[in-house]
Amino acid sequence: MKSPHTSTEALGQPSSATPRQESTRDVLDVLASSIARTAAREIKPEPLIQASTTPAEPSRELLTEKMLADRWVCSVARLQRWRTVGEGPPYLKIVGKVLYRLKDIEAYEEASLVRKVF
């Protein structure tokens, strides 16, 4: 016995849609095409133009003594002691603040590089 809710399409038989079902489909088709036309007419904002590709973290040309201590995994006191005795990389003192230029740090690191001689 067939259930009254079983459609003929599910049983593989051709559907004989009622006029109400056809009108519902027509309305849905009209709505879908109207939505598509509206979406096509919408003004889409242009993507923002980036001046240049920026790195995830901005590069710093000047490092504080804390930043350098973190980079070299040493204490700020060590850097302060080096400055007192005239050791370590060159530094700037601007408005009482000690700053290191990145190019000086990189040059100091390169000069400190130990190459093994066999």
PDB file of N, CA and C in Angstrom:
ATOM      1  N   MET A   1       0.838  -1.172   0.000  1.00  0.00           N
ATOM      2  CA  MET A   1       0.000   0.000   0.000  1.00  0.00           C
ATOM      3  C   MET A   1       0.883   1.235   0.000  1.00  0.00           C
ATOM      4  N   LYS A   2       0.553   2.176  -0.858  1.00  0.00           N
ATOM      5  CA  LYS A   2       1.330   3.399  -0.970  1.00  0.00           C
ATOM      6  C   LYS A   2       0.924   4.385   0.091  1.00  0.00           C
ATOM      7  N   SER A   3       1.931   5.096   0.594  1.00  0.00           N
ATOM      8  CA  SER A   3       1.653   6.156   1.555  1.00  0.00           C
ATOM      9  C   SER A   3       1.121   7.355   0.782  1.00  0.00           C
ATOM     10  N   PRO A   4       0.191   8.093   1.330  1.00  0.00           N
ATOM     11  CA  PRO A   4      -0.347   9.236   0.597  1.00  0.00           C
ATOM     12  C   PRO A   4       0.694  10.331   0.400  1.00  0.00           C
ATOM     13  N   HIS A   5       1.796  10.289   1.159  1.00  0.00           N
ATOM     14  CA  HIS A   5       2.821  11.327   1.061  1.00  0.00           C
ATOM     15  C   HIS A   5       3.933  10.947   0.104  1.00  0.00           C
ATOM     16  N   THR A   6       3.920   9.737  -0.469  1.00  0.00           N
ATOM     17  CA  THR A   6       4.968   9.301  -1.376  1.00  0.00           C
ATOM     18  C   THR A   6       4.720   9.946  -2.731  1.00  0.00           C
ATOM     19  N   SER A   7       5.744  10.619  -3.269  1.00  0.00           N
ATOM     20  CA  SER A   7       5.571  11.255  -4.568  1.00  0.00           C
ATOM     21  C   SER A   7       5.819  10.245  -5.665  1.00  0.00           C
ATOM     22  N   THR A   8       5.263  10.520  -6.802  1.00  0.00           N
ATOM     23  CA  THR A   8       5.450   9.606  -7.933  1.00  0.00           C
ATOM     24  C   THR A   8       6.862   9.730  -8.479  1.00  0.00           C
ATOM     25  N   GLU A   9       7.516  10.918  -8.247  1.00  0.00           N
ATOM     26  CA  GLU A   9       8.884  11.080  -8.719  1.00  0.00           C
ATOM     27  C   GLU A   9       9.823  10.170  -7.945  1.00  0.00           C
ATOM     28  N   ALA A  10       9.578   9.974  -6.658  1.00  0.00           N
ATOM     29  CA  ALA A  10      10.438   9.131  -5.839  1.00  0.00           C
ATOM     30  C   ALA A  10      10.330   7.684  -6.274  1.00  0.00           C
ATOM     31  N   LEU A  11       9.210   7.303  -6.859  1.00  0.00           N
ATOM     32  CA  LEU A  11       9.027   5.925  -7.306  1.00  0.00           C
ATOM     33  C   LEU A  11       9.524   5.727  -8.727  1.00  0.00           C
ATOM     34  N   GLY A  12      10.050   6.785  -9.351  1.00  0.00           N
ATOM     35  CA  GLY A  12      10.591   6.655 -10.686  1.00  0.00           C
ATOM     36  C   GLY A  12       9.550   6.855 -11.763  1.00  0.00           C
ATOM     37  N   GLN A  13       8.364   7.255 -11.424  1.00  0.00           N
ATOM     38  CA  GLN A  13       7.316   7.484 -12.403  1.00  0.00           C
ATOM     39  C   GLN A  13       7.332   8.957 -12.781  1.00  0.00           C
ATOM     40  N   PRO A  14       6.949   9.279 -14.014  1.00  0.00           N
ATOM     41  CA  PRO A  14       6.926  10.673 -14.421  1.00  0.00           C
ATOM     42  C   PRO A  14       5.961  11.454 -13.544  1.00  0.00           C
ATOM     43  N   SER A  15       6.346  12.700 -13.257  1.00  0.00           N
ATOM     44  CA  SER A  15       5.506  13.493 -12.378  1.00  0.00           C
ATOM     45  C   SER A  15       4.422  14.177 -13.174  1.00  0.00           C
ATOM     46  N   SER A  16       3.312  14.227 -12.593  1.00  0.00           N
ATOM     47  CA  SER A  16       2.227  15.012 -13.184  1.00  0.00           C
ATOM     48  C   SER A  16       1.937  16.083 -12.153  1.00  0.00           C
ATOM     49  N   ALA A  17       2.697  17.209 -12.275  1.00  0.00           N
ATOM     50  CA  ALA A  17       2.618  18.263 -11.282  1.00  0.00           C
ATOM     51  C   ALA A  17       1.258  18.941 -11.347  1.00  0.00           C
ATOM     52  N   THR A  18       0.779  19.279 -10.187  1.00  0.00           N
ATOM     53  CA  THR A  18      -0.506  19.985 -10.118  1.00  0.00           C
ATOM     54  C   THR A  18      -0.267  21.441 -10.498  1.00  0.00           C
ATOM     55  N   PRO A  19      -1.299  22.143 -10.897  1.00  0.00           N
ATOM     56  CA  PRO A  19      -1.131  23.548 -11.276  1.00  0.00           C
ATOM     57  C   PRO A  19      -0.551  24.375 -10.139  1.00  0.00           C
ATOM     58  N   ARG A  20      -0.869  24.020  -8.907  1.00  0.00           N
ATOM     59  CA  ARG A  20      -0.345  24.781  -7.778  1.00  0.00           C
ATOM     60  C   ARG A  20       1.169  24.619  -7.657  1.00  0.00           C
ATOM     61  N   GLN A  21       1.680  23.387  -7.867  1.00  0.00           N
ATOM     62  CA  GLN A  21       3.111  23.144  -7.801  1.00  0.00           C
ATOM     63  C   GLN A  21       3.829  23.900  -8.917  1.00  0.00           C
ATOM     64  N   GLU A  22       3.225  23.928 -10.120  1.00  0.00           N
ATOM     65  CA  GLU A  22       3.848  24.627 -11.241  1.00  0.00           C
ATOM     66  C   GLU A  22       3.901  26.126 -10.971  1.00  0.00           C
ATOM     67  N   SER A  23       2.855  26.678 -10.393  1.00  0.00           N
ATOM     68  CA  SER A  23       2.862  28.116 -10.124  1.00  0.00           C
ATOM     69  C   SER A  23       3.896  28.447  -9.041  1.00  0.00           C
ATOM     70  N   THR A  24       4.087  27.548  -8.082  1.00  0.00           N
ATOM     71  CA  THR A  24       5.107  27.765  -7.057  1.00  0.00           C
ATOM     72  C   THR A  24       6.492  27.763  -7.683  1.00  0.00           C
ATOM     73  N   ARG A  25       6.722  26.821  -8.608  1.00  0.00           N
ATOM     74  CA  ARG A  25       8.004  26.773  -9.304  1.00  0.00           C
ATOM     75  C   ARG A  25       8.221  28.037 -10.130  1.00  0.00           C
ATOM     76  N   ASP A  26       7.171  28.509 -10.797  1.00  0.00           N
ATOM     77  CA  ASP A  26       7.284  29.730 -11.597  1.00  0.00           C
ATOM     78  C   ASP A  26       7.675  30.918 -10.718  1.00  0.00           C
ATOM     79  N   VAL A  27       7.043  31.025  -9.557  1.00  0.00           N
ATOM     80  CA  VAL A  27       7.343  32.126  -8.650  1.00  0.00           C
ATOM     81  C   VAL A  27       8.790  32.028  -8.172  1.00  0.00           C
ATOM     82  N   LEU A  28       9.223  30.829  -7.848  1.00  0.00           N
ATOM     83  CA  LEU A  28      10.601  30.644  -7.398  1.00  0.00           C
ATOM     84  C   LEU A  28      11.590  30.980  -8.509  1.00  0.00           C
ATOM     85  N   ASP A  29      11.280  30.590  -9.759  1.00  0.00           N
ATOM     86  CA  ASP A  29      12.155  30.922 -10.882  1.00  0.00           C
ATOM     87  C   ASP A  29      12.243  32.431 -11.079  1.00  0.00           C
ATOM     88  N   VAL A  30      11.104  33.116 -10.980  1.00  0.00           N
ATOM     89  CA  VAL A  30      11.075  34.567 -11.140  1.00  0.00           C
ATOM     90  C   VAL A  30      11.898  35.222 -10.034  1.00  0.00           C
ATOM     91  N   LEU A  31      11.725  34.749  -8.802  1.00  0.00           N
ATOM     92  CA  LEU A  31      12.483  35.309  -7.682  1.00  0.00           C
ATOM     93  C   LEU A  31      13.986  35.087  -7.865  1.00  0.00           C
ATOM     94  N   ALA A  32      14.363  33.886  -8.270  1.00  0.00           N
ATOM     95  CA  ALA A  32      15.783  33.579  -8.445  1.00  0.00           C
ATOM     96  C   ALA A  32      16.394  34.448  -9.537  1.00  0.00           C
ATOM     97  N   SER A  33      15.696  34.611 -10.652  1.00  0.00           N
ATOM     98  CA  SER A  33      16.258  35.433 -11.723  1.00  0.00           C
ATOM     99  C   SER A  33      16.304  36.900 -11.326  1.00  0.00           C
ATOM    100  N   SER A  34      15.316  37.349 -10.545  1.00  0.00           N
ATOM    101  CA  SER A  34      15.307  38.731 -10.077  1.00  0.00           C
ATOM    102  C   SER A  34      16.465  38.982  -9.120  1.00  0.00           C
ATOM    103  N   ILE A  35      16.732  38.043  -8.233  1.00  0.00           N
ATOM    104  CA  ILE A  35      17.845  38.166  -7.289  1.00  0.00           C
ATOM    105  C   ILE A  35      19.167  38.197  -8.059  1.00  0.00           C
ATOM    106  N   ALA A  36      19.290  37.362  -9.073  1.00  0.00           N
ATOM    107  CA  ALA A  36      20.520  37.325  -9.864  1.00  0.00           C
ATOM    108  C   ALA A  36      20.736  38.648 -10.591  1.00  0.00           C
ATOM    109  N   ARG A  37      19.663  39.235 -11.155  1.00  0.00           N
ATOM    110  CA  ARG A  37      19.793  40.527 -11.847  1.00  0.00           C
ATOM    111  C   ARG A  37      20.182  41.625 -10.867  1.00  0.00           C
ATOM    112  N   THR A  38      19.577  41.619  -9.675  1.00  0.00           N
ATOM    113  CA  THR A  38      19.889  42.636  -8.668  1.00  0.00           C
ATOM    114  C   THR A  38      21.339  42.518  -8.226  1.00  0.00           C
ATOM    115  N   ALA A  39      21.818  41.303  -8.022  1.00  0.00           N
ATOM    116  CA  ALA A  39      23.202  41.092  -7.609  1.00  0.00           C
ATOM    117  C   ALA A  39      24.164  41.551  -8.698  1.00  0.00           C
ATOM    118  N   ALA A  40      23.792  41.353  -9.967  1.00  0.00           N
ATOM    119  CA  ALA A  40      24.657  41.765 -11.064  1.00  0.00           C
ATOM    120  C   ALA A  40      24.717  43.287 -11.161  1.00  0.00           C
ATOM    121  N   ARG A  41      23.650  43.979 -10.781  1.00  0.00           N
ATOM    122  CA  ARG A  41      23.607  45.440 -10.858  1.00  0.00           C
ATOM    123  C   ARG A  41      24.262  46.115  -9.668  1.00  0.00           C
ATOM    124  N   GLU A  42      24.453  45.376  -8.579  1.00  0.00           N
ATOM    125  CA  GLU A  42      25.038  45.966  -7.376  1.00  0.00           C
ATOM    126  C   GLU A  42      26.427  46.490  -7.660  1.00  0.00           C
ATOM    127  N   ILE A  43      26.731  47.634  -7.102  1.00  0.00           N
ATOM    128  CA  ILE A  43      28.068  48.199  -7.237  1.00  0.00           C
ATOM    129  C   ILE A  43      28.937  47.543  -6.182  1.00  0.00           C
ATOM    130  N   LYS A  44      29.921  46.853  -6.672  1.00  0.00           N
ATOM    131  CA  LYS A  44      30.831  46.165  -5.750  1.00  0.00           C
ATOM    132  C   LYS A  44      31.991  47.094  -5.445  1.00  0.00           C
ATOM    133  N   PRO A  45      32.323  47.271  -4.154  1.00  0.00           N
ATOM    134  CA  PRO A  45      33.441  48.161  -3.817  1.00  0.00           C
ATOM    135  C   PRO A  45      34.749  47.582  -4.338  1.00  0.00           C
ATOM    136  N   GLU A  46      35.591  48.467  -4.841  1.00  0.00           N
ATOM    137  CA  GLU A  46      36.888  48.024  -5.322  1.00  0.00           C
ATOM    138  C   GLU A  46      37.789  47.735  -4.131  1.00  0.00           C
ATOM    139  N   PRO A  47      38.639  46.730  -4.253  1.00  0.00           N
ATOM    140  CA  PRO A  47      39.540  46.431  -3.130  1.00  0.00           C
ATOM    141  C   PRO A  47      40.477  47.606  -2.900  1.00  0.00           C
ATOM    142  N   LEU A  48      40.831  47.796  -1.641  1.00  0.00           N
ATOM    143  CA  LEU A  48      41.754  48.868  -1.297  1.00  0.00           C
ATOM    144  C   LEU A  48      43.114  48.583  -1.911  1.00  0.00           C
ATOM    145  N   ILE A  49      43.686  49.592  -2.482  1.00  0.00           N
ATOM    146  CA  ILE A  49      44.989  49.440  -3.111  1.00  0.00           C
ATOM    147  C   ILE A  49      46.054  49.628  -2.046  1.00  0.00           C
ATOM    148  N   GLN A  50      46.897  48.635  -1.921  1.00  0.00           N
ATOM    149  CA  GLN A  50      47.973  48.723  -0.945  1.00  0.00           C
ATOM    150  C   GLN A  50      49.176  49.363  -1.613  1.00  0.00           C
ATOM    151  N   ALA A  51      49.771  50.319  -0.922  1.00  0.00           N
ATOM    152  CA  ALA A  51      50.917  51.033  -1.478  1.00  0.00           C
ATOM    153  C   ALA A  51      52.062  50.063  -1.758  1.00  0.00           C
ATOM    154  N   SER A  52      52.298  49.166  -0.850  1.00  0.00           N
ATOM    155  CA  SER A  52      53.331  48.155  -1.036  1.00  0.00           C
ATOM    156  C   SER A  52      52.993  46.980  -0.150  1.00  0.00           C
ATOM    157  N   THR A  53      53.583  45.864  -0.465  1.00  0.00           N
ATOM    158  CA  THR A  53      53.349  44.709   0.388  1.00  0.00           C
ATOM    159  C   THR A  53      54.112  44.924   1.680  1.00  0.00           C
ATOM    160  N   THR A  54      53.391  44.891   2.775  1.00  0.00           N
ATOM    161  CA  THR A  54      54.015  45.134   4.064  1.00  0.00           C
ATOM    162  C   THR A  54      54.286  43.811   4.747  1.00  0.00           C
ATOM    163  N   PRO A  55      55.437  43.672   5.369  1.00  0.00           N
ATOM    164  CA  PRO A  55      55.706  42.431   6.088  1.00  0.00           C
ATOM    165  C   PRO A  55      54.781  42.301   7.299  1.00  0.00           C
ATOM    166  N   ALA A  56      54.678  41.089   7.824  1.00  0.00           N
ATOM    167  CA  ALA A  56      53.803  40.849   8.967  1.00  0.00           C
ATOM    168  C   ALA A  56      54.194  41.729  10.148  1.00  0.00           C
ATOM    169  N   GLU A  57      55.455  41.895  10.352  1.00  0.00           N
ATOM    170  CA  GLU A  57      55.935  42.755  11.428  1.00  0.00           C
ATOM    171  C   GLU A  57      56.854  43.798  10.811  1.00  0.00           C
ATOM    172  N   PRO A  58      56.596  45.070  11.057  1.00  0.00           N
ATOM    173  CA  PRO A  58      57.414  46.095  10.412  1.00  0.00           C
ATOM    174  C   PRO A  58      58.867  46.016  10.867  1.00  0.00           C
ATOM    175  N   SER A  59      59.767  46.223   9.922  1.00  0.00           N
ATOM    176  CA  SER A  59      61.177  46.181  10.289  1.00  0.00           C
ATOM    177  C   SER A  59      61.524  47.480  10.998  1.00  0.00           C
ATOM    178  N   ARG A  60      62.373  47.379  11.958  1.00  0.00           N
ATOM    179  CA  ARG A  60      62.756  48.550  12.735  1.00  0.00           C
ATOM    180  C   ARG A  60      64.194  48.902  12.379  1.00  0.00           C
ATOM    181  N   GLU A  61      64.406  50.170  12.131  1.00  0.00           N
ATOM    182  CA  GLU A  61      65.752  50.640  11.846  1.00  0.00           C
ATOM    183  C   GLU A  61      66.513  50.932  13.128  1.00  0.00           C
ATOM    184  N   LEU A  62      65.757  51.210  14.204  1.00  0.00           N
ATOM    185  CA  LEU A  62      66.384  51.477  15.502  1.00  0.00           C
ATOM    186  C   LEU A  62      65.861  50.484  16.528  1.00  0.00           C
ATOM    187  N   LEU A  63      66.747  50.000  17.359  1.00  0.00           N
ATOM    188  CA  LEU A  63      66.381  49.052  18.409  1.00  0.00           C
ATOM    189  C   LEU A  63      66.671  49.686  19.767  1.00  0.00           C
ATOM    190  N   THR A  64      65.793  49.443  20.715  1.00  0.00           N
ATOM    191  CA  THR A  64      66.064  49.865  22.088  1.00  0.00           C
ATOM    192  C   THR A  64      66.999  48.843  22.720  1.00  0.00           C
ATOM    193  N   GLU A  65      67.536  49.167  23.885  1.00  0.00           N
ATOM    194  CA  GLU A  65      68.422  48.201  24.532  1.00  0.00           C
ATOM    195  C   GLU A  65      67.653  46.942  24.941  1.00  0.00           C
ATOM    196  N   LYS A  66      66.386  47.084  25.260  1.00  0.00           N
ATOM    197  CA  LYS A  66      65.564  45.911  25.601  1.00  0.00           C
ATOM    198  C   LYS A  66      65.381  45.017  24.372  1.00  0.00           C
ATOM    199  N   MET A  67      65.124  45.649  23.216  1.00  0.00           N
ATOM    200  CA  MET A  67      64.958  44.876  21.978  1.00  0.00           C
ATOM    201  C   MET A  67      66.249  44.147  21.613  1.00  0.00           C
ATOM    202  N   LEU A  68      67.384  44.825  21.783  1.00  0.00           N
ATOM    203  CA  LEU A  68      68.661  44.186  21.481  1.00  0.00           C
ATOM    204  C   LEU A  68      68.955  43.062  22.472  1.00  0.00           C
ATOM    205  N   ALA A  69      68.656  43.288  23.741  1.00  0.00           N
ATOM    206  CA  ALA A  69      68.866  42.238  24.752  1.00  0.00           C
ATOM    207  C   ALA A  69      68.016  41.010  24.415  1.00  0.00           C
ATOM    208  N   ASP A  70      66.785  41.219  23.967  1.00  0.00           N
ATOM    209  CA  ASP A  70      65.933  40.090  23.555  1.00  0.00           C
ATOM    210  C   ASP A  70      66.517  39.395  22.326  1.00  0.00           C
ATOM    211  N   ARG A  71      67.010  40.179  21.381  1.00  0.00           N
ATOM    212  CA  ARG A  71      67.579  39.610  20.159  1.00  0.00           C
ATOM    213  C   ARG A  71      68.792  38.744  20.479  1.00  0.00           C
ATOM    214  N   TRP A  72      69.646  39.216  21.372  1.00  0.00           N
ATOM    215  CA  TRP A  72      70.862  38.497  21.704  1.00  0.00           C
ATOM    216  C   TRP A  72      70.715  37.574  22.910  1.00  0.00           C
ATOM    217  N   VAL A  73      69.548  37.492  23.478  1.00  0.00           N
ATOM    218  CA  VAL A  73      69.279  36.664  24.647  1.00  0.00           C
ATOM    219  C   VAL A  73      70.311  36.957  25.742  1.00  0.00           C
ATOM    220  N   CYS A  74      70.387  38.210  26.100  1.00  0.00           N
ATOM    221  CA  CYS A  74      71.270  38.627  27.192  1.00  0.00           C
ATOM    222  C   CYS A  74      70.529  39.672  28.015  1.00  0.00           C
ATOM    223  N   SER A  75      71.139  40.142  29.057  1.00  0.00           N
ATOM    224  CA  SER A  75      70.485  41.119  29.926  1.00  0.00           C
ATOM    225  C   SER A  75      70.765  42.541  29.441  1.00  0.00           C
ATOM    226  N   VAL A  76      69.878  43.435  29.803  1.00  0.00           N
ATOM    227  CA  VAL A  76      70.064  44.855  29.519  1.00  0.00           C
ATOM    228  C   VAL A  76      71.291  45.356  30.279  1.00  0.00           C
ATOM    229  N   ALA A  77      71.503  44.820  31.476  1.00  0.00           N
ATOM    230  CA  ALA A  77      72.662  45.224  32.282  1.00  0.00           C
ATOM    231  C   ALA A  77      73.978  44.935  31.552  1.00  0.00           C
ATOM    232  N   ARG A  78      74.050  43.836  30.832  1.00  0.00           N
ATOM    233  CA  ARG A  78      75.269  43.513  30.082  1.00  0.00           C
ATOM    234  C   ARG A  78      75.536  44.581  29.024  1.00  0.00           C
ATOM    235  N   LEU A  79      74.489  44.978  28.299  1.00  0.00           N
ATOM    236  CA  LEU A  79      74.646  46.014  27.278  1.00  0.00           C
ATOM    237  C   LEU A  79      75.083  47.337  27.919  1.00  0.00           C
ATOM    238  N   GLN A  80      74.505  47.635  29.079  1.00  0.00           N
ATOM    239  CA  GLN A  80      74.876  48.865  29.795  1.00  0.00           C
ATOM    240  C   GLN A  80      76.337  48.811  30.233  1.00  0.00           C
ATOM    241  N   ARG A  81      76.781  47.658  30.711  1.00  0.00           N
ATOM    242  CA  ARG A  81      78.171  47.498  31.149  1.00  0.00           C
ATOM    243  C   ARG A  81      79.113  47.648  29.960  1.00  0.00           C
ATOM    244  N   TRP A  82      78.761  47.059  28.811  1.00  0.00           N
ATOM    245  CA  TRP A  82      79.583  47.181  27.614  1.00  0.00           C
ATOM    246  C   TRP A  82      79.732  48.654  27.209  1.00  0.00           C
ATOM    247  N   ARG A  83      78.626  49.401  27.293  1.00  0.00           N
ATOM    248  CA  ARG A  83      78.702  50.817  26.930  1.00  0.00           C
ATOM    249  C   ARG A  83      79.635  51.570  27.881  1.00  0.00           C
ATOM    250  N   THR A  84      79.603  51.213  29.150  1.00  0.00           N
ATOM    251  CA  THR A  84      80.440  51.874  30.166  1.00  0.00           C
ATOM    252  C   THR A  84      81.922  51.653  29.894  1.00  0.00           C
ATOM    253  N   VAL A  85      82.287  50.442  29.484  1.00  0.00           N
ATOM    254  CA  VAL A  85      83.701  50.119  29.262  1.00  0.00           C
ATOM    255  C   VAL A  85      84.109  50.281  27.793  1.00  0.00           C
ATOM    256  N   GLY A  86      83.199  50.721  26.942  1.00  0.00           N
ATOM    257  CA  GLY A  86      83.532  50.967  25.535  1.00  0.00           C
ATOM    258  C   GLY A  86      83.521  49.726  24.664  1.00  0.00           C
ATOM    259  N   GLU A  87      82.822  48.692  25.061  1.00  0.00           N
ATOM    260  CA  GLU A  87      82.718  47.475  24.252  1.00  0.00           C
ATOM    261  C   GLU A  87      81.358  47.442  23.566  1.00  0.00           C
ATOM    262  N   GLY A  88      81.159  46.429  22.745  1.00  0.00           N
ATOM    263  CA  GLY A  88      79.860  46.228  22.102  1.00  0.00           C
ATOM    264  C   GLY A  88      79.668  47.087  20.870  1.00  0.00           C
ATOM    265  N   PRO A  89      78.490  47.037  20.314  1.00  0.00           N
ATOM    266  CA  PRO A  89      78.216  47.764  19.073  1.00  0.00           C
ATOM    267  C   PRO A  89      78.051  49.262  19.319  1.00  0.00           C
ATOM    268  N   PRO A  90      78.232  50.072  18.280  1.00  0.00           N
ATOM    269  CA  PRO A  90      78.003  51.505  18.420  1.00  0.00           C
ATOM    270  C   PRO A  90      76.536  51.783  18.742  1.00  0.00           C
ATOM    271  N   TYR A  91      76.282  52.894  19.401  1.00  0.00           N
ATOM    272  CA  TYR A  91      74.902  53.225  19.784  1.00  0.00           C
ATOM    273  C   TYR A  91      74.670  54.714  19.649  1.00  0.00           C
ATOM    274  N   LEU A  92      73.408  55.077  19.650  1.00  0.00           N
ATOM    275  CA  LEU A  92      72.997  56.480  19.619  1.00  0.00           C
ATOM    276  C   LEU A  92      72.416  56.833  20.974  1.00  0.00           C
ATOM    277  N   LYS A  93      72.560  58.071  21.357  1.00  0.00           N
ATOM    278  CA  LYS A  93      71.903  58.531  22.575  1.00  0.00           C
ATOM    279  C   LYS A  93      71.101  59.762  22.162  1.00  0.00           C
ATOM    280  N   ILE A  94      69.801  59.572  22.060  1.00  0.00           N
ATOM    281  CA  ILE A  94      68.910  60.631  21.600  1.00  0.00           C
ATOM    282  C   ILE A  94      67.921  60.944  22.712  1.00  0.00           C
ATOM    283  N   VAL A  95      67.927  62.168  23.168  1.00  0.00           N
ATOM    284  CA  VAL A  95      67.050  62.636  24.250  1.00  0.00           C
ATOM    285  C   VAL A  95      67.161  61.692  25.450  1.00  0.00           C
ATOM    286  N   GLY A  96      68.381  61.310  25.759  1.00  0.00           N
ATOM    287  CA  GLY A  96      68.618  60.474  26.924  1.00  0.00           C
ATOM    288  C   GLY A  96      68.264  59.006  26.735  1.00  0.00           C
ATOM    289  N   LYS A  97      67.833  58.626  25.536  1.00  0.00           N
ATOM    290  CA  LYS A  97      67.453  57.236  25.279  1.00  0.00           C
ATOM    291  C   LYS A  97      68.524  56.576  24.417  1.00  0.00           C
ATOM    292  N   VAL A  98      68.947  55.390  24.820  1.00  0.00           N
ATOM    293  CA  VAL A  98      69.962  54.648  24.082  1.00  0.00           C
ATOM    294  C   VAL A  98      69.277  53.844  22.984  1.00  0.00           C
ATOM    295  N   LEU A  99      69.750  54.027  21.755  1.00  0.00           N
ATOM    296  CA  LEU A  99      69.202  53.310  20.606  1.00  0.00           C
ATOM    297  C   LEU A  99      70.345  52.722  19.783  1.00  0.00           C
ATOM    298  N   TYR A 100      70.087  51.594  19.188  1.00  0.00           N
ATOM    299  CA  TYR A 100      71.060  50.933  18.334  1.00  0.00           C
ATOM    300  C   TYR A 100      70.509  50.896  16.914  1.00  0.00           C
ATOM    301  N   ARG A 101      71.344  51.254  15.945  1.00  0.00           N
ATOM    302  CA  ARG A 101      70.928  51.157  14.549  1.00  0.00           C
ATOM    303  C   ARG A 101      71.021  49.701  14.105  1.00  0.00           C
ATOM    304  N   LEU A 102      70.021  49.243  13.400  1.00  0.00           N
ATOM    305  CA  LEU A 102      69.975  47.854  12.967  1.00  0.00           C
ATOM    306  C   LEU A 102      71.175  47.513  12.093  1.00  0.00           C
ATOM    307  N   LYS A 103      71.580  48.430  11.221  1.00  0.00           N
ATOM    308  CA  LYS A 103      72.721  48.130  10.356  1.00  0.00           C
ATOM    309  C   LYS A 103      74.011  47.977  11.167  1.00  0.00           C
ATOM    310  N   ASP A 104      74.145  48.728  12.280  1.00  0.00           N
ATOM    311  CA  ASP A 104      75.320  48.575  13.143  1.00  0.00           C
ATOM    312  C   ASP A 104      75.287  47.232  13.870  1.00  0.00           C
ATOM    313  N   ILE A 105      74.095  46.825  14.289  1.00  0.00           N
ATOM    314  CA  ILE A 105      73.944  45.540  14.982  1.00  0.00           C
ATOM    315  C   ILE A 105      74.290  44.394  14.045  1.00  0.00           C
ATOM    316  N   GLU A 106      73.777  44.463  12.822  1.00  0.00           N
ATOM    317  CA  GLU A 106      74.057  43.393  11.858  1.00  0.00           C
ATOM    318  C   GLU A 106      75.542  43.347  11.507  1.00  0.00           C
ATOM    319  N   ALA A 107      76.172  44.520  11.379  1.00  0.00           N
ATOM    320  CA  ALA A 107      77.615  44.561  11.099  1.00  0.00           C
ATOM    321  C   ALA A 107      78.406  43.981  12.276  1.00  0.00           C
ATOM    322  N   TYR A 108      77.992  44.298  13.511  1.00  0.00           N
ATOM    323  CA  TYR A 108      78.668  43.771  14.706  1.00  0.00           C
ATOM    324  C   TYR A 108      78.507  42.252  14.768  1.00  0.00           C
ATOM    325  N   GLU A 109      77.318  41.770  14.444  1.00  0.00           N
ATOM    326  CA  GLU A 109      77.087  40.318  14.451  1.00  0.00           C
ATOM    327  C   GLU A 109      77.949  39.634  13.397  1.00  0.00           C
ATOM    328  N   GLU A 110      78.051  40.239  12.225  1.00  0.00           N
ATOM    329  CA  GLU A 110      78.871  39.656  11.157  1.00  0.00           C
ATOM    330  C   GLU A 110      80.344  39.628  11.567  1.00  0.00           C
ATOM    331  N   ALA A 111      80.809  40.701  12.209  1.00  0.00           N
ATOM    332  CA  ALA A 111      82.201  40.753  12.652  1.00  0.00           C
ATOM    333  C   ALA A 111      82.464  39.762  13.782  1.00  0.00           C
ATOM    334  N   SER A 112      81.446  39.425  14.535  1.00  0.00           N
ATOM    335  CA  SER A 112      81.599  38.507  15.672  1.00  0.00           C
ATOM    336  C   SER A 112      81.447  37.049  15.261  1.00  0.00           C
ATOM    337  N   LEU A 113      81.151  36.810  14.004  1.00  0.00           N
ATOM    338  CA  LEU A 113      80.938  35.447  13.513  1.00  0.00           C
ATOM    339  C   LEU A 113      82.242  34.656  13.593  1.00  0.00           C
ATOM    340  N   VAL A 114      82.201  33.514  14.226  1.00  0.00           N
ATOM    341  CA  VAL A 114      83.396  32.675  14.391  1.00  0.00           C
ATOM    342  C   VAL A 114      83.379  31.622  13.300  1.00  0.00           C
ATOM    343  N   ARG A 115      84.456  31.595  12.545  1.00  0.00           N
ATOM    344  CA  ARG A 115      84.600  30.573  11.500  1.00  0.00           C
ATOM    345  C   ARG A 115      85.692  29.616  11.960  1.00  0.00           C
ATOM    346  N   LYS A 116      85.379  28.375  11.934  1.00  0.00           N
ATOM    347  CA  LYS A 116      86.369  27.383  12.394  1.00  0.00           C
ATOM    348  C   LYS A 116      87.448  27.205  11.339  1.00  0.00           C
ATOM    349  N   VAL A 117      88.668  27.128  11.816  1.00  0.00           N
ATOM    350  CA  VAL A 117      89.800  26.881  10.940  1.00  0.00           C
ATOM    351  C   VAL A 117      90.319  25.483  11.294  1.00  0.00           C
ATOM    352  N   PHE A 118      90.354  24.635  10.298  1.00  0.00           N
ATOM    353  CA  PHE A 118      90.819  23.256  10.543  1.00  0.00           C
ATOM    354  C   PHE A 118      92.259  23.113  10.217  1.00  0.00           C
TER     355      PHE A 118
END
